[in-house]
Amino acid sequence: MAVFRADYDEVLKTVEAWPPDRRLTLVQDILKTLGPQSTVSRPRPNILKRTLGLLETASPPSDEQVQQWIDEGRMEKYS
């Protein structure tokens, strides 16, 4: 294990001296060596659609309701 750590440290020290674009290329090449993580690809969730769904209401509040909520919040904060 100590040999691995020494090799790792030596490689890291060498790579740190490289320009950023060359380091990025190395990272990409290393990731390619890992291959696919799974043979079954799972669909990625549509985060934007889910987030917008959380914001969706059956009926939006009226301006008067929003103003009332603001006033109530101020009363709680400053009373």
PDB file of N, CA and C in Angstrom:
ATOM      1  N   MET A   1       0.825  -1.202   0.000  1.00  0.00           N
ATOM      2  CA  MET A   1       0.000   0.000   0.000  1.00  0.00           C
ATOM      3  C   MET A   1       0.868   1.265   0.000  1.00  0.00           C
ATOM      4  N   ALA A   2       2.017   1.191   0.665  1.00  0.00           N
ATOM      5  CA  ALA A   2       2.903   2.348   0.726  1.00  0.00           C
ATOM      6  C   ALA A   2       3.466   2.681  -0.651  1.00  0.00           C
ATOM      7  N   VAL A   3       3.716   1.639  -1.469  1.00  0.00           N
ATOM      8  CA  VAL A   3       4.221   1.866  -2.820  1.00  0.00           C
ATOM      9  C   VAL A   3       3.166   2.593  -3.647  1.00  0.00           C
ATOM     10  N   PHE A   4       1.911   2.151  -3.503  1.00  0.00           N
ATOM     11  CA  PHE A   4       0.816   2.816  -4.221  1.00  0.00           C
ATOM     12  C   PHE A   4       0.748   4.279  -3.834  1.00  0.00           C
ATOM     13  N   ARG A   5       0.824   4.564  -2.563  1.00  0.00           N
ATOM     14  CA  ARG A   5       0.724   5.947  -2.084  1.00  0.00           C
ATOM     15  C   ARG A   5       1.885   6.788  -2.620  1.00  0.00           C
ATOM     16  N   ALA A   6       3.084   6.210  -2.645  1.00  0.00           N
ATOM     17  CA  ALA A   6       4.244   6.944  -3.150  1.00  0.00           C
ATOM     18  C   ALA A   6       4.071   7.230  -4.641  1.00  0.00           C
ATOM     19  N   ASP A   7       3.597   6.229  -5.397  1.00  0.00           N
ATOM     20  CA  ASP A   7       3.352   6.439  -6.828  1.00  0.00           C
ATOM     21  C   ASP A   7       2.282   7.502  -7.032  1.00  0.00           C
ATOM     22  N   TYR A   8       1.223   7.406  -6.251  1.00  0.00           N
ATOM     23  CA  TYR A   8       0.117   8.361  -6.353  1.00  0.00           C
ATOM     24  C   TYR A   8       0.623   9.781  -6.095  1.00  0.00           C
ATOM     25  N   ASP A   9       1.363   9.951  -5.023  1.00  0.00           N
ATOM     26  CA  ASP A   9       1.877  11.277  -4.673  1.00  0.00           C
ATOM     27  C   ASP A   9       2.804  11.815  -5.767  1.00  0.00           C
ATOM     28  N   GLU A  10       3.620  10.922  -6.341  1.00  0.00           N
ATOM     29  CA  GLU A  10       4.533  11.339  -7.396  1.00  0.00           C
ATOM     30  C   GLU A  10       3.763  11.784  -8.642  1.00  0.00           C
ATOM     31  N   VAL A  11       2.753  11.015  -9.004  1.00  0.00           N
ATOM     32  CA  VAL A  11       1.931  11.370 -10.166  1.00  0.00           C
ATOM     33  C   VAL A  11       1.213  12.692  -9.906  1.00  0.00           C
ATOM     34  N   LEU A  12       0.641  12.832  -8.732  1.00  0.00           N
ATOM     35  CA  LEU A  12      -0.083  14.061  -8.404  1.00  0.00           C
ATOM     36  C   LEU A  12       0.840  15.276  -8.458  1.00  0.00           C
ATOM     37  N   LYS A  13       2.031  15.138  -7.930  1.00  0.00           N
ATOM     38  CA  LYS A  13       2.982  16.249  -7.948  1.00  0.00           C
ATOM     39  C   LYS A  13       3.330  16.630  -9.391  1.00  0.00           C
ATOM     40  N   THR A  14       3.505  15.618 -10.238  1.00  0.00           N
ATOM     41  CA  THR A  14       3.818  15.875 -11.649  1.00  0.00           C
ATOM     42  C   THR A  14       2.658  16.580 -12.339  1.00  0.00           C
ATOM     43  N   VAL A  15       1.454  16.080 -12.116  1.00  0.00           N
ATOM     44  CA  VAL A  15       0.276  16.618 -12.792  1.00  0.00           C
ATOM     45  C   VAL A  15      -0.026  18.041 -12.333  1.00  0.00           C
ATOM     46  N   GLU A  16       0.230  18.343 -11.076  1.00  0.00           N
ATOM     47  CA  GLU A  16      -0.026  19.696 -10.564  1.00  0.00           C
ATOM     48  C   GLU A  16       0.783  20.752 -11.310  1.00  0.00           C
ATOM     49  N   ALA A  17       1.879  20.365 -11.898  1.00  0.00           N
ATOM     50  CA  ALA A  17       2.725  21.316 -12.628  1.00  0.00           C
ATOM     51  C   ALA A  17       2.211  21.565 -14.048  1.00  0.00           C
ATOM     52  N   TRP A  18       1.295  20.749 -14.502  1.00  0.00           N
ATOM     53  CA  TRP A  18       0.759  20.886 -15.861  1.00  0.00           C
ATOM     54  C   TRP A  18      -0.203  22.064 -15.949  1.00  0.00           C
ATOM     55  N   PRO A  19      -0.396  22.607 -17.142  1.00  0.00           N
ATOM     56  CA  PRO A  19      -1.409  23.662 -17.318  1.00  0.00           C
ATOM     57  C   PRO A  19      -2.823  23.071 -17.155  1.00  0.00           C
ATOM     58  N   PRO A  20      -3.778  23.894 -16.775  1.00  0.00           N
ATOM     59  CA  PRO A  20      -5.132  23.404 -16.501  1.00  0.00           C
ATOM     60  C   PRO A  20      -5.765  22.616 -17.649  1.00  0.00           C
ATOM     61  N   ASP A  21      -5.563  23.045 -18.892  1.00  0.00           N
ATOM     62  CA  ASP A  21      -6.213  22.333 -19.995  1.00  0.00           C
ATOM     63  C   ASP A  21      -5.658  20.915 -20.145  1.00  0.00           C
ATOM     64  N   ARG A  22      -4.379  20.737 -19.890  1.00  0.00           N
ATOM     65  CA  ARG A  22      -3.786  19.398 -19.978  1.00  0.00           C
ATOM     66  C   ARG A  22      -4.278  18.513 -18.825  1.00  0.00           C
ATOM     67  N   ARG A  23      -4.437  19.094 -17.627  1.00  0.00           N
ATOM     68  CA  ARG A  23      -4.972  18.332 -16.491  1.00  0.00           C
ATOM     69  C   ARG A  23      -6.398  17.901 -16.758  1.00  0.00           C
ATOM     70  N   LEU A  24      -7.190  18.790 -17.360  1.00  0.00           N
ATOM     71  CA  LEU A  24      -8.575  18.458 -17.682  1.00  0.00           C
ATOM     72  C   LEU A  24      -8.635  17.314 -18.686  1.00  0.00           C
ATOM     73  N   THR A  25      -7.763  17.354 -19.672  1.00  0.00           N
ATOM     74  CA  THR A  25      -7.713  16.266 -20.652  1.00  0.00           C
ATOM     75  C   THR A  25      -7.370  14.948 -19.967  1.00  0.00           C
ATOM     76  N   LEU A  26      -6.438  14.976 -19.028  1.00  0.00           N
ATOM     77  CA  LEU A  26      -6.077  13.765 -18.294  1.00  0.00           C
ATOM     78  C   LEU A  26      -7.272  13.230 -17.513  1.00  0.00           C
ATOM     79  N   VAL A  27      -7.988  14.110 -16.840  1.00  0.00           N
ATOM     80  CA  VAL A  27      -9.166  13.693 -16.071  1.00  0.00           C
ATOM     81  C   VAL A  27     -10.188  13.035 -16.995  1.00  0.00           C
ATOM     82  N   GLN A  28     -10.442  13.637 -18.135  1.00  0.00           N
ATOM     83  CA  GLN A  28     -11.399  13.070 -19.084  1.00  0.00           C
ATOM     84  C   GLN A  28     -10.949  11.692 -19.555  1.00  0.00           C
ATOM     85  N   ASP A  29      -9.662  11.548 -19.841  1.00  0.00           N
ATOM     86  CA  ASP A  29      -9.145  10.252 -20.281  1.00  0.00           C
ATOM     87  C   ASP A  29      -9.249   9.204 -19.174  1.00  0.00           C
ATOM     88  N   ILE A  30      -8.993   9.613 -17.936  1.00  0.00           N
ATOM     89  CA  ILE A  30      -9.117   8.672 -16.816  1.00  0.00           C
ATOM     90  C   ILE A  30     -10.569   8.231 -16.654  1.00  0.00           C
ATOM     91  N   LEU A  31     -11.493   9.170 -16.765  1.00  0.00           N
ATOM     92  CA  LEU A  31     -12.909   8.819 -16.644  1.00  0.00           C
ATOM     93  C   LEU A  31     -13.340   7.848 -17.737  1.00  0.00           C
ATOM     94  N   LYS A  32     -12.775   7.988 -18.924  1.00  0.00           N
ATOM     95  CA  LYS A  32     -13.105   7.063 -20.010  1.00  0.00           C
ATOM     96  C   LYS A  32     -12.667   5.645 -19.684  1.00  0.00           C
ATOM     97  N   THR A  33     -11.600   5.493 -18.902  1.00  0.00           N
ATOM     98  CA  THR A  33     -11.115   4.162 -18.565  1.00  0.00           C
ATOM     99  C   THR A  33     -12.052   3.435 -17.608  1.00  0.00           C
ATOM    100  N   LEU A  34     -12.914   4.162 -16.924  1.00  0.00           N
ATOM    101  CA  LEU A  34     -13.830   3.532 -15.980  1.00  0.00           C
ATOM    102  C   LEU A  34     -14.945   2.774 -16.688  1.00  0.00           C
ATOM    103  N   GLY A  35     -15.268   3.192 -17.891  1.00  0.00           N
ATOM    104  CA  GLY A  35     -16.333   2.526 -18.636  1.00  0.00           C
ATOM    105  C   GLY A  35     -17.686   2.872 -18.058  1.00  0.00           C
ATOM    106  N   PRO A  36     -18.721   2.271 -18.621  1.00  0.00           N
ATOM    107  CA  PRO A  36     -20.070   2.564 -18.111  1.00  0.00           C
ATOM    108  C   PRO A  36     -20.236   2.021 -16.687  1.00  0.00           C
ATOM    109  N   GLN A  37     -20.848   2.804 -15.858  1.00  0.00           N
ATOM    110  CA  GLN A  37     -21.059   2.411 -14.466  1.00  0.00           C
ATOM    111  C   GLN A  37     -22.137   1.348 -14.334  1.00  0.00           C
ATOM    112  N   SER A  38     -23.050   1.353 -15.269  1.00  0.00           N
ATOM    113  CA  SER A  38     -24.153   0.404 -15.209  1.00  0.00           C
ATOM    114  C   SER A  38     -24.593   0.094 -16.624  1.00  0.00           C
ATOM    115  N   THR A  39     -25.006  -1.138 -16.849  1.00  0.00           N
ATOM    116  CA  THR A  39     -25.482  -1.495 -18.179  1.00  0.00           C
ATOM    117  C   THR A  39     -26.905  -1.000 -18.395  1.00  0.00           C
ATOM    118  N   VAL A  40     -27.606  -0.725 -17.315  1.00  0.00           N
ATOM    119  CA  VAL A  40     -28.964  -0.208 -17.412  1.00  0.00           C
ATOM    120  C   VAL A  40     -28.927   1.290 -17.166  1.00  0.00           C
ATOM    121  N   SER A  41     -29.337   2.052 -18.161  1.00  0.00           N
ATOM    122  CA  SER A  41     -29.338   3.500 -17.970  1.00  0.00           C
ATOM    123  C   SER A  41     -30.684   3.926 -17.410  1.00  0.00           C
ATOM    124  N   ARG A  42     -30.608   4.710 -16.376  1.00  0.00           N
ATOM    125  CA  ARG A  42     -31.829   5.226 -15.762  1.00  0.00           C
ATOM    126  C   ARG A  42     -32.122   6.593 -16.334  1.00  0.00           C
ATOM    127  N   PRO A  43     -33.389   6.884 -16.593  1.00  0.00           N
ATOM    128  CA  PRO A  43     -33.710   8.224 -17.084  1.00  0.00           C
ATOM    129  C   PRO A  43     -33.425   9.252 -15.996  1.00  0.00           C
ATOM    130  N   ARG A  44     -32.900  10.378 -16.419  1.00  0.00           N
ATOM    131  CA  ARG A  44     -32.613  11.445 -15.472  1.00  0.00           C
ATOM    132  C   ARG A  44     -33.900  12.191 -15.155  1.00  0.00           C
ATOM    133  N   PRO A  45     -34.121  12.491 -13.886  1.00  0.00           N
ATOM    134  CA  PRO A  45     -35.336  13.224 -13.536  1.00  0.00           C
ATOM    135  C   PRO A  45     -35.295  14.641 -14.089  1.00  0.00           C
ATOM    136  N   ASN A  46     -36.438  15.125 -14.487  1.00  0.00           N
ATOM    137  CA  ASN A  46     -36.532  16.484 -14.990  1.00  0.00           C
ATOM    138  C   ASN A  46     -36.705  17.418 -13.791  1.00  0.00           C
ATOM    139  N   ILE A  47     -35.594  17.920 -13.291  1.00  0.00           N
ATOM    140  CA  ILE A  47     -35.596  18.727 -12.068  1.00  0.00           C
ATOM    141  C   ILE A  47     -36.391  20.011 -12.250  1.00  0.00           C
ATOM    142  N   LEU A  48     -36.254  20.658 -13.394  1.00  0.00           N
ATOM    143  CA  LEU A  48     -36.980  21.905 -13.619  1.00  0.00           C
ATOM    144  C   LEU A  48     -38.484  21.664 -13.573  1.00  0.00           C
ATOM    145  N   LYS A  49     -38.938  20.607 -14.225  1.00  0.00           N
ATOM    146  CA  LYS A  49     -40.368  20.313 -14.243  1.00  0.00           C
ATOM    147  C   LYS A  49     -40.876  20.023 -12.828  1.00  0.00           C
ATOM    148  N   ARG A  50     -40.091  19.275 -12.059  1.00  0.00           N
ATOM    149  CA  ARG A  50     -40.500  18.964 -10.680  1.00  0.00           C
ATOM    150  C   ARG A  50     -40.540  20.224  -9.822  1.00  0.00           C
ATOM    151  N   THR A  51     -39.550  21.095 -10.010  1.00  0.00           N
ATOM    152  CA  THR A  51     -39.493  22.324  -9.226  1.00  0.00           C
ATOM    153  C   THR A  51     -40.666  23.237  -9.553  1.00  0.00           C
ATOM    154  N   LEU A  52     -40.950  23.382 -10.832  1.00  0.00           N
ATOM    155  CA  LEU A  52     -42.091  24.208 -11.219  1.00  0.00           C
ATOM    156  C   LEU A  52     -43.394  23.617 -10.695  1.00  0.00           C
ATOM    157  N   GLY A  53     -43.471  22.305 -10.643  1.00  0.00           N
ATOM    158  CA  GLY A  53     -44.652  21.650 -10.102  1.00  0.00           C
ATOM    159  C   GLY A  53     -44.860  21.969  -8.635  1.00  0.00           C
ATOM    160  N   LEU A  54     -43.775  22.116  -7.895  1.00  0.00           N
ATOM    161  CA  LEU A  54     -43.891  22.474  -6.484  1.00  0.00           C
ATOM    162  C   LEU A  54     -44.447  23.880  -6.304  1.00  0.00           C
ATOM    163  N   LEU A  55     -44.155  24.738  -7.274  1.00  0.00           N
ATOM    164  CA  LEU A  55     -44.608  26.122  -7.190  1.00  0.00           C
ATOM    165  C   LEU A  55     -46.043  26.300  -7.680  1.00  0.00           C
ATOM    166  N   GLU A  56     -46.536  25.300  -8.366  1.00  0.00           N
ATOM    167  CA  GLU A  56     -47.861  25.393  -8.969  1.00  0.00           C
ATOM    168  C   GLU A  56     -48.953  25.243  -7.899  1.00  0.00           C
ATOM    169  N   THR A  57     -49.974  26.065  -7.988  1.00  0.00           N
ATOM    170  CA  THR A  57     -51.109  25.969  -7.071  1.00  0.00           C
ATOM    171  C   THR A  57     -52.388  25.897  -7.882  1.00  0.00           C
ATOM    172  N   ALA A  58     -53.454  25.426  -7.227  1.00  0.00           N
ATOM    173  CA  ALA A  58     -54.747  25.330  -7.905  1.00  0.00           C
ATOM    174  C   ALA A  58     -55.254  26.730  -8.263  1.00  0.00           C
ATOM    175  N   SER A  59     -55.120  27.641  -7.328  1.00  0.00           N
ATOM    176  CA  SER A  59     -55.503  29.022  -7.616  1.00  0.00           C
ATOM    177  C   SER A  59     -54.487  29.944  -6.950  1.00  0.00           C
ATOM    178  N   PRO A  60     -53.870  30.806  -7.714  1.00  0.00           N
ATOM    179  CA  PRO A  60     -52.865  31.690  -7.130  1.00  0.00           C
ATOM    180  C   PRO A  60     -53.510  32.666  -6.140  1.00  0.00           C
ATOM    181  N   PRO A  61     -52.746  33.098  -5.128  1.00  0.00           N
ATOM    182  CA  PRO A  61     -53.303  34.039  -4.157  1.00  0.00           C
ATOM    183  C   PRO A  61     -53.528  35.405  -4.799  1.00  0.00           C
ATOM    184  N   SER A  62     -54.490  36.094  -4.267  1.00  0.00           N
ATOM    185  CA  SER A  62     -54.771  37.438  -4.776  1.00  0.00           C
ATOM    186  C   SER A  62     -53.747  38.415  -4.202  1.00  0.00           C
ATOM    187  N   ASP A  63     -53.686  39.595  -4.795  1.00  0.00           N
ATOM    188  CA  ASP A  63     -52.779  40.631  -4.312  1.00  0.00           C
ATOM    189  C   ASP A  63     -53.096  40.992  -2.862  1.00  0.00           C
ATOM    190  N   GLU A  64     -54.389  40.977  -2.538  1.00  0.00           N
ATOM    191  CA  GLU A  64     -54.801  41.319  -1.176  1.00  0.00           C
ATOM    192  C   GLU A  64     -54.302  40.275  -0.180  1.00  0.00           C
ATOM    193  N   GLN A  65     -54.381  38.983  -0.574  1.00  0.00           N
ATOM    194  CA  GLN A  65     -53.899  37.925   0.309  1.00  0.00           C
ATOM    195  C   GLN A  65     -52.400  38.051   0.538  1.00  0.00           C
ATOM    196  N   VAL A  66     -51.675  38.309  -0.520  1.00  0.00           N
ATOM    197  CA  VAL A  66     -50.219  38.446  -0.403  1.00  0.00           C
ATOM    198  C   VAL A  66     -49.879  39.624   0.505  1.00  0.00           C
ATOM    199  N   GLN A  67     -50.562  40.736   0.323  1.00  0.00           N
ATOM    200  CA  GLN A  67     -50.315  41.903   1.166  1.00  0.00           C
ATOM    201  C   GLN A  67     -50.639  41.598   2.614  1.00  0.00           C
ATOM    202  N   GLN A  68     -51.703  40.834   2.848  1.00  0.00           N
ATOM    203  CA  GLN A  68     -52.076  40.463   4.210  1.00  0.00           C
ATOM    204  C   GLN A  68     -50.978  39.585   4.828  1.00  0.00           C
ATOM    205  N   TRP A  69     -50.443  38.638   4.067  1.00  0.00           N
ATOM    206  CA  TRP A  69     -49.369  37.780   4.572  1.00  0.00           C
ATOM    207  C   TRP A  69     -48.132  38.605   4.913  1.00  0.00           C
ATOM    208  N   ILE A  70     -47.830  39.577   4.080  1.00  0.00           N
ATOM    209  CA  ILE A  70     -46.673  40.448   4.335  1.00  0.00           C
ATOM    210  C   ILE A  70     -46.890  41.237   5.620  1.00  0.00           C
ATOM    211  N   ASP A  71     -48.092  41.796   5.755  1.00  0.00           N
ATOM    212  CA  ASP A  71     -48.404  42.574   6.957  1.00  0.00           C
ATOM    213  C   ASP A  71     -48.340  41.704   8.209  1.00  0.00           C
ATOM    214  N   GLU A  72     -48.870  40.473   8.127  1.00  0.00           N
ATOM    215  CA  GLU A  72     -48.833  39.560   9.270  1.00  0.00           C
ATOM    216  C   GLU A  72     -47.391  39.201   9.624  1.00  0.00           C
ATOM    217  N   GLY A  73     -46.573  38.972   8.614  1.00  0.00           N
ATOM    218  CA  GLY A  73     -45.169  38.659   8.862  1.00  0.00           C
ATOM    219  C   GLY A  73     -44.446  39.813   9.535  1.00  0.00           C
ATOM    220  N   ARG A  74     -44.769  41.035   9.111  1.00  0.00           N
ATOM    221  CA  ARG A  74     -44.148  42.205   9.740  1.00  0.00           C
ATOM    222  C   ARG A  74     -44.617  42.371  11.180  1.00  0.00           C
ATOM    223  N   MET A  75     -45.891  42.094  11.417  1.00  0.00           N
ATOM    224  CA  MET A  75     -46.419  42.204  12.779  1.00  0.00           C
ATOM    225  C   MET A  75     -45.723  41.207  13.706  1.00  0.00           C
ATOM    226  N   GLU A  76     -45.520  39.974  13.212  1.00  0.00           N
ATOM    227  CA  GLU A  76     -44.842  38.960  14.033  1.00  0.00           C
ATOM    228  C   GLU A  76     -43.394  39.358  14.284  1.00  0.00           C
ATOM    229  N   LYS A  77     -42.742  39.890  13.243  1.00  0.00           N
ATOM    230  CA  LYS A  77     -41.329  40.225  13.343  1.00  0.00           C
ATOM    231  C   LYS A  77     -41.093  41.421  14.269  1.00  0.00           C
ATOM    232  N   TYR A  78     -41.918  42.442  14.147  1.00  0.00           N
ATOM    233  CA  TYR A  78     -41.644  43.693  14.850  1.00  0.00           C
ATOM    234  C   TYR A  78     -42.527  43.927  16.094  1.00  0.00           C
ATOM    235  N   SER A  79     -43.390  42.996  16.396  1.00  0.00           N
ATOM    236  CA  SER A  79     -44.247  43.176  17.593  1.00  0.00           C
ATOM    237  C   SER A  79     -43.613  42.620  18.829  1.00  0.00           C
TER     238      SER A  79
END
